[in-house]
């Protein structure tokens, strides 16, 4: 897929995210089958899927609040812990700053 036609919600996906989505579709959305393929537990696959869903939701927030979207991306990718992300977002909202 060329860069010009990648949907906005996929821009922040890593190669491994795209591979996961492809396998998920081939497994007809079966998390049980995904767990078998990856050799992990169902909850582990569910967590991975939840992180991808979060990435999609974050991409939808980017246009309105790019700073908040950045903090959320950092939290989802575990570069910033969740509590710190919540504090940064809360303080940013107190300032009433708009992009």
PDB file of N, CA and C in Angstrom:
ATOM      1  N   UNK A   1       0.863  -1.178   0.000  1.00  0.00           N
ATOM      2  CA  UNK A   1       0.000   0.000   0.000  1.00  0.00           C
ATOM      3  C   UNK A   1       0.902   1.230   0.000  1.00  0.00           C
ATOM      4  N   UNK A   2       0.628   2.128  -0.913  1.00  0.00           N
ATOM      5  CA  UNK A   2       1.462   3.318  -0.972  1.00  0.00           C
ATOM      6  C   UNK A   2       1.071   4.283   0.137  1.00  0.00           C
ATOM      7  N   UNK A   3       2.007   5.124   0.504  1.00  0.00           N
ATOM      8  CA  UNK A   3       1.817   6.048   1.621  1.00  0.00           C
ATOM      9  C   UNK A   3       0.642   6.995   1.393  1.00  0.00           C
ATOM     10  N   UNK A   4       0.380   7.350   0.147  1.00  0.00           N
ATOM     11  CA  UNK A   4      -0.690   8.300  -0.137  1.00  0.00           C
ATOM     12  C   UNK A   4      -2.072   7.747   0.172  1.00  0.00           C
ATOM     13  N   UNK A   5      -2.238   6.426   0.151  1.00  0.00           N
ATOM     14  CA  UNK A   5      -3.569   5.860   0.345  1.00  0.00           C
ATOM     15  C   UNK A   5      -3.747   5.166   1.695  1.00  0.00           C
ATOM     16  N   UNK A   6      -2.781   5.286   2.585  1.00  0.00           N
ATOM     17  CA  UNK A   6      -2.930   4.726   3.927  1.00  0.00           C
ATOM     18  C   UNK A   6      -3.929   5.580   4.694  1.00  0.00           C
ATOM     19  N   UNK A   7      -4.973   4.949   5.230  1.00  0.00           N
ATOM     20  CA  UNK A   7      -5.951   5.723   6.003  1.00  0.00           C
ATOM     21  C   UNK A   7      -5.291   6.395   7.203  1.00  0.00           C
ATOM     22  N   UNK A   8      -5.800   7.552   7.582  1.00  0.00           N
ATOM     23  CA  UNK A   8      -5.237   8.322   8.695  1.00  0.00           C
ATOM     24  C   UNK A   8      -5.153   7.496   9.979  1.00  0.00           C
ATOM     25  N   UNK A   9      -6.141   6.630  10.215  1.00  0.00           N
ATOM     26  CA  UNK A   9      -6.163   5.851  11.446  1.00  0.00           C
ATOM     27  C   UNK A   9      -5.089   4.771  11.478  1.00  0.00           C
ATOM     28  N   UNK A  10      -4.432   4.509  10.343  1.00  0.00           N
ATOM     29  CA  UNK A  10      -3.373   3.495  10.307  1.00  0.00           C
ATOM     30  C   UNK A  10      -1.968   4.088  10.354  1.00  0.00           C
ATOM     31  N   UNK A  11      -1.866   5.385  10.317  1.00  0.00           N
ATOM     32  CA  UNK A  11      -0.561   6.042  10.212  1.00  0.00           C
ATOM     33  C   UNK A  11       0.374   5.674  11.367  1.00  0.00           C
ATOM     34  N   UNK A  12      -0.156   5.530  12.574  1.00  0.00           N
ATOM     35  CA  UNK A  12       0.692   5.255  13.735  1.00  0.00           C
ATOM     36  C   UNK A  12       0.941   3.778  13.992  1.00  0.00           C
ATOM     37  N   UNK A  13       0.474   2.902  13.092  1.00  0.00           N
ATOM     38  CA  UNK A  13       0.691   1.473  13.272  1.00  0.00           C
ATOM     39  C   UNK A  13       2.122   1.096  12.931  1.00  0.00           C
ATOM     40  N   UNK A  14       2.681   0.209  13.733  1.00  0.00           N
ATOM     41  CA  UNK A  14       3.985  -0.381  13.448  1.00  0.00           C
ATOM     42  C   UNK A  14       3.751  -1.549  12.483  1.00  0.00           C
ATOM     43  N   UNK A  15       4.825  -2.069  11.899  1.00  0.00           N
ATOM     44  CA  UNK A  15       4.701  -3.226  10.999  1.00  0.00           C
ATOM     45  C   UNK A  15       4.052  -4.409  11.715  1.00  0.00           C
ATOM     46  N   UNK A  16       4.421  -4.617  12.979  1.00  0.00           N
ATOM     47  CA  UNK A  16       3.856  -5.742  13.731  1.00  0.00           C
ATOM     48  C   UNK A  16       2.356  -5.563  13.965  1.00  0.00           C
ATOM     49  N   UNK A  17       1.887  -4.308  14.051  1.00  0.00           N
ATOM     50  CA  UNK A  17       0.451  -4.047  14.191  1.00  0.00           C
ATOM     51  C   UNK A  17      -0.285  -4.480  12.926  1.00  0.00           C
ATOM     52  N   UNK A  18       0.268  -4.132  11.780  1.00  0.00           N
ATOM     53  CA  UNK A  18      -0.350  -4.489  10.499  1.00  0.00           C
ATOM     54  C   UNK A  18      -0.364  -6.003  10.331  1.00  0.00           C
ATOM     55  N   UNK A  19       0.715  -6.664  10.716  1.00  0.00           N
ATOM     56  CA  UNK A  19       0.779  -8.122  10.656  1.00  0.00           C
ATOM     57  C   UNK A  19      -0.289  -8.744  11.551  1.00  0.00           C
ATOM     58  N   UNK A  20      -0.454  -8.196  12.756  1.00  0.00           N
ATOM     59  CA  UNK A  20      -1.477  -8.695  13.676  1.00  0.00           C
ATOM     60  C   UNK A  20      -2.865  -8.553  13.054  1.00  0.00           C
ATOM     61  N   UNK A  21      -3.152  -7.395  12.479  1.00  0.00           N
ATOM     62  CA  UNK A  21      -4.458  -7.151  11.864  1.00  0.00           C
ATOM     63  C   UNK A  21      -4.702  -8.134  10.720  1.00  0.00           C
ATOM     64  N   UNK A  22      -3.680  -8.351   9.909  1.00  0.00           N
ATOM     65  CA  UNK A  22      -3.803  -9.291   8.786  1.00  0.00           C
ATOM     66  C   UNK A  22      -4.116 -10.701   9.293  1.00  0.00           C
ATOM     67  N   UNK A  23      -3.390 -11.145  10.325  1.00  0.00           N
ATOM     68  CA  UNK A  23      -3.649 -12.470  10.897  1.00  0.00           C
ATOM     69  C   UNK A  23      -5.043 -12.526  11.526  1.00  0.00           C
ATOM     70  N   UNK A  24      -5.447 -11.440  12.169  1.00  0.00           N
ATOM     71  CA  UNK A  24      -6.759 -11.363  12.809  1.00  0.00           C
ATOM     72  C   UNK A  24      -7.865 -11.531  11.767  1.00  0.00           C
ATOM     73  N   UNK A  25      -7.717 -10.859  10.640  1.00  0.00           N
ATOM     74  CA  UNK A  25      -8.706 -10.980   9.570  1.00  0.00           C
ATOM     75  C   UNK A  25      -8.721 -12.395   8.994  1.00  0.00           C
ATOM     76  N   UNK A  26      -7.538 -12.969   8.796  1.00  0.00           N
ATOM     77  CA  UNK A  26      -7.463 -14.340   8.273  1.00  0.00           C
ATOM     78  C   UNK A  26      -8.067 -15.353   9.243  1.00  0.00           C
ATOM     79  N   UNK A  27      -8.031 -15.034  10.529  1.00  0.00           N
ATOM     80  CA  UNK A  27      -8.611 -15.912  11.552  1.00  0.00           C
ATOM     81  C   UNK A  27     -10.093 -15.592  11.756  1.00  0.00           C
ATOM     82  N   UNK A  28     -10.663 -14.805  10.865  1.00  0.00           N
ATOM     83  CA  UNK A  28     -12.075 -14.398  10.941  1.00  0.00           C
ATOM     84  C   UNK A  28     -12.414 -13.733  12.269  1.00  0.00           C
ATOM     85  N   UNK A  29     -11.456 -13.023  12.832  1.00  0.00           N
ATOM     86  CA  UNK A  29     -11.691 -12.296  14.071  1.00  0.00           C
ATOM     87  C   UNK A  29     -11.703 -13.170  15.315  1.00  0.00           C
ATOM     88  N   UNK A  30     -11.244 -14.388  15.202  1.00  0.00           N
ATOM     89  CA  UNK A  30     -11.245 -15.305  16.351  1.00  0.00           C
ATOM     90  C   UNK A  30     -10.022 -15.051  17.234  1.00  0.00           C
ATOM     91  N   UNK A  31     -10.271 -14.523  18.427  1.00  0.00           N
ATOM     92  CA  UNK A  31      -9.167 -14.281  19.358  1.00  0.00           C
ATOM     93  C   UNK A  31      -8.588 -15.609  19.843  1.00  0.00           C
ATOM     94  N   UNK A  32      -9.434 -16.610  19.946  1.00  0.00           N
ATOM     95  CA  UNK A  32      -8.964 -17.944  20.351  1.00  0.00           C
ATOM     96  C   UNK A  32      -7.959 -18.484  19.321  1.00  0.00           C
ATOM     97  N   UNK A  33      -8.277 -18.318  18.044  1.00  0.00           N
ATOM     98  CA  UNK A  33      -7.364 -18.764  16.987  1.00  0.00           C
ATOM     99  C   UNK A  33      -6.086 -17.926  16.991  1.00  0.00           C
ATOM    100  N   UNK A  34      -6.213 -16.641  17.232  1.00  0.00           N
ATOM    101  CA  UNK A  34      -5.035 -15.773  17.306  1.00  0.00           C
ATOM    102  C   UNK A  34      -4.121 -16.213  18.444  1.00  0.00           C
ATOM    103  N   UNK A  35      -4.702 -16.538  19.586  1.00  0.00           N
ATOM    104  CA  UNK A  35      -3.914 -17.001  20.734  1.00  0.00           C
ATOM    105  C   UNK A  35      -3.160 -18.275  20.360  1.00  0.00           C
ATOM    106  N   UNK A  36      -3.833 -19.178  19.648  1.00  0.00           N
ATOM    107  CA  UNK A  36      -3.190 -20.420  19.224  1.00  0.00           C
ATOM    108  C   UNK A  36      -2.023 -20.122  18.278  1.00  0.00           C
ATOM    109  N   UNK A  37      -2.247 -19.233  17.301  1.00  0.00           N
ATOM    110  CA  UNK A  37      -1.204 -18.904  16.324  1.00  0.00           C
ATOM    111  C   UNK A  37       0.022 -18.276  16.984  1.00  0.00           C
ATOM    112  N   UNK A  38      -0.212 -17.403  17.942  1.00  0.00           N
ATOM    113  CA  UNK A  38       0.889 -16.706  18.605  1.00  0.00           C
ATOM    114  C   UNK A  38       1.457 -17.494  19.782  1.00  0.00           C
ATOM    115  N   UNK A  39       0.774 -18.555  20.190  1.00  0.00           N
ATOM    116  CA  UNK A  39       1.244 -19.354  21.321  1.00  0.00           C
ATOM    117  C   UNK A  39       1.154 -18.612  22.641  1.00  0.00           C
ATOM    118  N   UNK A  40       0.088 -17.802  22.786  1.00  0.00           N
ATOM    119  CA  UNK A  40      -0.127 -17.024  24.007  1.00  0.00           C
ATOM    120  C   UNK A  40      -1.562 -17.264  24.485  1.00  0.00           C
ATOM    121  N   UNK A  41      -1.900 -16.666  25.616  1.00  0.00           N
ATOM    122  CA  UNK A  41      -3.240 -16.827  26.159  1.00  0.00           C
ATOM    123  C   UNK A  41      -4.224 -15.870  25.483  1.00  0.00           C
ATOM    124  N   UNK A  42      -5.493 -16.195  25.595  1.00  0.00           N
ATOM    125  CA  UNK A  42      -6.563 -15.349  25.063  1.00  0.00           C
ATOM    126  C   UNK A  42      -6.470 -13.925  25.624  1.00  0.00           C
ATOM    127  N   UNK A  43      -6.297 -13.755  26.963  1.00  0.00           N
ATOM    128  CA  UNK A  43      -6.205 -12.389  27.497  1.00  0.00           C
ATOM    129  C   UNK A  43      -5.040 -11.583  26.909  1.00  0.00           C
ATOM    130  N   UNK A  44      -3.948 -12.254  26.568  1.00  0.00           N
ATOM    131  CA  UNK A  44      -2.806 -11.565  25.965  1.00  0.00           C
ATOM    132  C   UNK A  44      -3.183 -11.027  24.587  1.00  0.00           C
ATOM    133  N   UNK A  45      -3.894 -11.827  23.806  1.00  0.00           N
ATOM    134  CA  UNK A  45      -4.337 -11.386  22.486  1.00  0.00           C
ATOM    135  C   UNK A  45      -5.354 -10.257  22.633  1.00  0.00           C
ATOM    136  N   UNK A  46      -6.248 -10.386  23.603  1.00  0.00           N
ATOM    137  CA  UNK A  46      -7.267  -9.351  23.841  1.00  0.00           C
ATOM    138  C   UNK A  46      -6.602  -8.016  24.184  1.00  0.00           C
ATOM    139  N   UNK A  47      -5.557  -8.058  25.009  1.00  0.00           N
ATOM    140  CA  UNK A  47      -4.819  -6.850  25.377  1.00  0.00           C
ATOM    141  C   UNK A  47      -4.188  -6.212  24.140  1.00  0.00           C
ATOM    142  N   UNK A  48      -3.616  -7.031  23.277  1.00  0.00           N
ATOM    143  CA  UNK A  48      -2.994  -6.536  22.045  1.00  0.00           C
ATOM    144  C   UNK A  48      -4.035  -5.858  21.154  1.00  0.00           C
ATOM    145  N   UNK A  49      -5.195  -6.491  21.029  1.00  0.00           N
ATOM    146  CA  UNK A  49      -6.275  -5.910  20.237  1.00  0.00           C
ATOM    147  C   UNK A  49      -6.755  -4.598  20.850  1.00  0.00           C
ATOM    148  N   UNK A  50      -6.875  -4.558  22.172  1.00  0.00           N
ATOM    149  CA  UNK A  50      -7.299  -3.328  22.852  1.00  0.00           C
ATOM    150  C   UNK A  50      -6.321  -2.184  22.589  1.00  0.00           C
ATOM    151  N   UNK A  51      -5.019  -2.486  22.543  1.00  0.00           N
ATOM    152  CA  UNK A  51      -4.022  -1.445  22.265  1.00  0.00           C
ATOM    153  C   UNK A  51      -4.172  -0.913  20.836  1.00  0.00           C
ATOM    154  N   UNK A  52      -4.489  -1.811  19.897  1.00  0.00           N
ATOM    155  CA  UNK A  52      -4.714  -1.359  18.522  1.00  0.00           C
ATOM    156  C   UNK A  52      -5.957  -0.477  18.440  1.00  0.00           C
ATOM    157  N   UNK A  53      -6.996  -0.858  19.167  1.00  0.00           N
ATOM    158  CA  UNK A  53      -8.220  -0.046  19.207  1.00  0.00           C
ATOM    159  C   UNK A  53      -7.900   1.336  19.782  1.00  0.00           C
ATOM    160  N   UNK A  54      -7.071   1.378  20.825  1.00  0.00           N
ATOM    161  CA  UNK A  54      -6.676   2.660  21.416  1.00  0.00           C
ATOM    162  C   UNK A  54      -5.924   3.515  20.401  1.00  0.00           C
ATOM    163  N   UNK A  55      -5.049   2.893  19.617  1.00  0.00           N
ATOM    164  CA  UNK A  55      -4.301   3.640  18.603  1.00  0.00           C
ATOM    165  C   UNK A  55      -5.251   4.264  17.581  1.00  0.00           C
ATOM    166  N   UNK A  56      -6.288   3.534  17.216  1.00  0.00           N
ATOM    167  CA  UNK A  56      -7.268   4.065  16.263  1.00  0.00           C
ATOM    168  C   UNK A  56      -8.016   5.237  16.890  1.00  0.00           C
ATOM    169  N   UNK A  57      -8.435   5.075  18.133  1.00  0.00           N
ATOM    170  CA  UNK A  57      -9.153   6.152  18.817  1.00  0.00           C
ATOM    171  C   UNK A  57      -8.280   7.387  18.961  1.00  0.00           C
ATOM    172  N   UNK A  58      -7.008   7.186  19.255  1.00  0.00           N
ATOM    173  CA  UNK A  58      -6.075   8.306  19.397  1.00  0.00           C
ATOM    174  C   UNK A  58      -5.929   9.051  18.074  1.00  0.00           C
ATOM    175  N   UNK A  59      -5.858   8.311  16.985  1.00  0.00           N
ATOM    176  CA  UNK A  59      -5.697   8.971  15.683  1.00  0.00           C
ATOM    177  C   UNK A  59      -6.907   9.845  15.370  1.00  0.00           C
ATOM    178  N   UNK A  60      -8.067   9.458  15.865  1.00  0.00           N
ATOM    179  CA  UNK A  60      -9.268  10.263  15.647  1.00  0.00           C
ATOM    180  C   UNK A  60      -9.238  11.544  16.490  1.00  0.00           C
ATOM    181  N   UNK A  61      -8.522  11.526  17.614  1.00  0.00           N
ATOM    182  CA  UNK A  61      -8.402  12.703  18.484  1.00  0.00           C
ATOM    183  C   UNK A  61      -7.348  13.695  17.987  1.00  0.00           C
ATOM    184  N   UNK A  62      -6.439  13.240  17.155  1.00  0.00           N
ATOM    185  CA  UNK A  62      -5.269  14.028  16.772  1.00  0.00           C
ATOM    186  C   UNK A  62      -5.620  15.388  16.172  1.00  0.00           C
ATOM    187  N   UNK A  63      -6.612  15.424  15.314  1.00  0.00           N
ATOM    188  CA  UNK A  63      -6.946  16.681  14.640  1.00  0.00           C
ATOM    189  C   UNK A  63      -7.380  17.753  15.633  1.00  0.00           C
ATOM    190  N   UNK A  64      -8.143  17.370  16.644  1.00  0.00           N
ATOM    191  CA  UNK A  64      -8.661  18.341  17.609  1.00  0.00           C
ATOM    192  C   UNK A  64      -7.658  18.684  18.705  1.00  0.00           C
ATOM    193  N   UNK A  65      -6.943  17.724  19.189  1.00  0.00           N
ATOM    194  CA  UNK A  65      -6.021  17.910  20.313  1.00  0.00           C
ATOM    195  C   UNK A  65      -4.710  17.172  20.058  1.00  0.00           C
ATOM    196  N   UNK A  66      -3.818  17.718  19.223  1.00  0.00           N
ATOM    197  CA  UNK A  66      -2.589  16.994  18.895  1.00  0.00           C
ATOM    198  C   UNK A  66      -1.700  16.702  20.105  1.00  0.00           C
ATOM    199  N   UNK A  67      -1.647  17.607  21.090  1.00  0.00           N
ATOM    200  CA  UNK A  67      -0.814  17.371  22.279  1.00  0.00           C
ATOM    201  C   UNK A  67      -1.357  16.199  23.081  1.00  0.00           C
ATOM    202  N   UNK A  68      -2.662  16.183  23.295  1.00  0.00           N
ATOM    203  CA  UNK A  68      -3.275  15.092  24.054  1.00  0.00           C
ATOM    204  C   UNK A  68      -3.096  13.775  23.304  1.00  0.00           C
ATOM    205  N   UNK A  69      -3.255  13.805  21.998  1.00  0.00           N
ATOM    206  CA  UNK A  69      -3.063  12.595  21.193  1.00  0.00           C
ATOM    207  C   UNK A  69      -1.630  12.082  21.325  1.00  0.00           C
ATOM    208  N   UNK A  70      -0.654  12.998  21.351  1.00  0.00           N
ATOM    209  CA  UNK A  70       0.742  12.604  21.526  1.00  0.00           C
ATOM    210  C   UNK A  70       0.939  11.912  22.867  1.00  0.00           C
ATOM    211  N   UNK A  71       0.415  12.482  23.928  1.00  0.00           N
ATOM    212  CA  UNK A  71       0.564  11.892  25.261  1.00  0.00           C
ATOM    213  C   UNK A  71      -0.087  10.505  25.298  1.00  0.00           C
ATOM    214  N   UNK A  72      -1.260  10.392  24.698  1.00  0.00           N
ATOM    215  CA  UNK A  72      -1.944   9.093  24.664  1.00  0.00           C
ATOM    216  C   UNK A  72      -1.136   8.062  23.884  1.00  0.00           C
ATOM    217  N   UNK A  73      -0.554   8.479  22.740  1.00  0.00           N
ATOM    218  CA  UNK A  73       0.285   7.554  21.961  1.00  0.00           C
ATOM    219  C   UNK A  73       1.473   7.080  22.784  1.00  0.00           C
ATOM    220  N   UNK A  74       2.094   8.012  23.521  1.00  0.00           N
ATOM    221  CA  UNK A  74       3.236   7.643  24.361  1.00  0.00           C
ATOM    222  C   UNK A  74       2.819   6.661  25.453  1.00  0.00           C
ATOM    223  N   UNK A  75       1.628   6.842  26.005  1.00  0.00           N
ATOM    224  CA  UNK A  75       1.139   5.938  27.047  1.00  0.00           C
ATOM    225  C   UNK A  75       0.823   4.562  26.470  1.00  0.00           C
ATOM    226  N   UNK A  76       0.173   4.529  25.318  1.00  0.00           N
ATOM    227  CA  UNK A  76      -0.173   3.252  24.694  1.00  0.00           C
ATOM    228  C   UNK A  76       1.078   2.469  24.324  1.00  0.00           C
ATOM    229  N   UNK A  77       2.111   3.175  23.864  1.00  0.00           N
ATOM    230  CA  UNK A  77       3.365   2.501  23.497  1.00  0.00           C
ATOM    231  C   UNK A  77       4.283   2.296  24.696  1.00  0.00           C
ATOM    232  N   UNK A  78       3.785   2.640  25.888  1.00  0.00           N
ATOM    233  CA  UNK A  78       4.478   2.442  27.162  1.00  0.00           C
ATOM    234  C   UNK A  78       5.781   3.223  27.268  1.00  0.00           C
ATOM    235  N   UNK A  79       5.855   4.367  26.601  1.00  0.00           N
ATOM    236  CA  UNK A  79       7.014   5.250  26.726  1.00  0.00           C
ATOM    237  C   UNK A  79       6.810   6.234  27.869  1.00  0.00           C
ATOM    238  N   UNK A  80       5.532   6.400  28.272  1.00  0.00           N
ATOM    239  CA  UNK A  80       5.154   7.208  29.432  1.00  0.00           C
ATOM    240  C   UNK A  80       4.158   6.367  30.210  1.00  0.00           C
ATOM    241  N   UNK A  81       4.307   6.304  31.526  1.00  0.00           N
ATOM    242  CA  UNK A  81       3.360   5.492  32.285  1.00  0.00           C
ATOM    243  C   UNK A  81       1.985   6.157  32.312  1.00  0.00           C
ATOM    244  N   UNK A  82       0.964   5.354  32.538  1.00  0.00           N
ATOM    245  CA  UNK A  82      -0.423   5.793  32.459  1.00  0.00           C
ATOM    246  C   UNK A  82      -0.719   6.938  33.431  1.00  0.00           C
ATOM    247  N   UNK A  83      -0.238   6.844  34.663  1.00  0.00           N
ATOM    248  CA  UNK A  83      -0.504   7.891  35.655  1.00  0.00           C
ATOM    249  C   UNK A  83       0.106   9.227  35.239  1.00  0.00           C
ATOM    250  N   UNK A  84       1.315   9.192  34.708  1.00  0.00           N
ATOM    251  CA  UNK A  84       1.962  10.417  34.239  1.00  0.00           C
ATOM    252  C   UNK A  84       1.180  11.019  33.075  1.00  0.00           C
ATOM    253  N   UNK A  85       0.724  10.172  32.168  1.00  0.00           N
ATOM    254  CA  UNK A  85      -0.063  10.651  31.030  1.00  0.00           C
ATOM    255  C   UNK A  85      -1.332  11.349  31.510  1.00  0.00           C
ATOM    256  N   UNK A  86      -2.008  10.762  32.494  1.00  0.00           N
ATOM    257  CA  UNK A  86      -3.226  11.372  33.030  1.00  0.00           C
ATOM    258  C   UNK A  86      -2.935  12.743  33.630  1.00  0.00           C
ATOM    259  N   UNK A  87      -1.830  12.861  34.355  1.00  0.00           N
ATOM    260  CA  UNK A  87      -1.451  14.138  34.963  1.00  0.00           C
ATOM    261  C   UNK A  87      -1.155  15.175  33.885  1.00  0.00           C
ATOM    262  N   UNK A  88      -0.367  14.798  32.873  1.00  0.00           N
ATOM    263  CA  UNK A  88      -0.024  15.732  31.796  1.00  0.00           C
ATOM    264  C   UNK A  88      -1.269  16.229  31.061  1.00  0.00           C
ATOM    265  N   UNK A  89      -2.180  15.319  30.780  1.00  0.00           N
ATOM    266  CA  UNK A  89      -3.411  15.700  30.077  1.00  0.00           C
ATOM    267  C   UNK A  89      -4.276  16.605  30.951  1.00  0.00           C
ATOM    268  N   UNK A  90      -4.402  16.266  32.229  1.00  0.00           N
ATOM    269  CA  UNK A  90      -5.218  17.079  33.138  1.00  0.00           C
ATOM    270  C   UNK A  90      -4.649  18.493  33.264  1.00  0.00           C
ATOM    271  N   UNK A  91      -3.339  18.599  33.417  1.00  0.00           N
ATOM    272  CA  UNK A  91      -2.712  19.918  33.532  1.00  0.00           C
ATOM    273  C   UNK A  91      -2.855  20.715  32.239  1.00  0.00           C
ATOM    274  N   UNK A  92      -2.716  20.051  31.119  1.00  0.00           N
ATOM    275  CA  UNK A  92      -2.876  20.712  29.820  1.00  0.00           C
ATOM    276  C   UNK A  92      -4.299  21.261  29.684  1.00  0.00           C
ATOM    277  N   UNK A  93      -5.289  20.453  30.086  1.00  0.00           N
ATOM    278  CA  UNK A  93      -6.681  20.899  29.989  1.00  0.00           C
ATOM    279  C   UNK A  93      -6.959  22.067  30.921  1.00  0.00           C
ATOM    280  N   UNK A  94      -6.298  22.113  32.091  1.00  0.00           N
ATOM    281  CA  UNK A  94      -6.470  23.235  33.017  1.00  0.00           C
ATOM    282  C   UNK A  94      -6.008  24.545  32.380  1.00  0.00           C
ATOM    283  N   UNK A  95      -4.977  24.457  31.549  1.00  0.00           N
ATOM    284  CA  UNK A  95      -4.438  25.648  30.888  1.00  0.00           C
ATOM    285  C   UNK A  95      -5.398  26.175  29.817  1.00  0.00           C
ATOM    286  N   UNK A  96      -6.273  25.307  29.344  1.00  0.00           N
ATOM    287  CA  UNK A  96      -7.224  25.726  28.319  1.00  0.00           C
ATOM    288  C   UNK A  96      -6.571  26.050  26.997  1.00  0.00           C
ATOM    289  N   UNK A  97      -5.420  25.433  26.739  1.00  0.00           N
ATOM    290  CA  UNK A  97      -4.674  25.678  25.496  1.00  0.00           C
ATOM    291  C   UNK A  97      -5.376  24.980  24.348  1.00  0.00           C
ATOM    292  N   UNK A  98      -5.477  25.661  23.237  1.00  0.00           N
ATOM    293  CA  UNK A  98      -6.046  25.082  22.009  1.00  0.00           C
ATOM    294  C   UNK A  98      -5.007  25.133  20.914  1.00  0.00           C
ATOM    295  N   UNK A  99      -5.000  24.095  20.107  1.00  0.00           N
ATOM    296  CA  UNK A  99      -4.038  24.018  18.993  1.00  0.00           C
ATOM    297  C   UNK A  99      -4.366  25.041  17.935  1.00  0.00           C
TER     298      UNK A  99
END
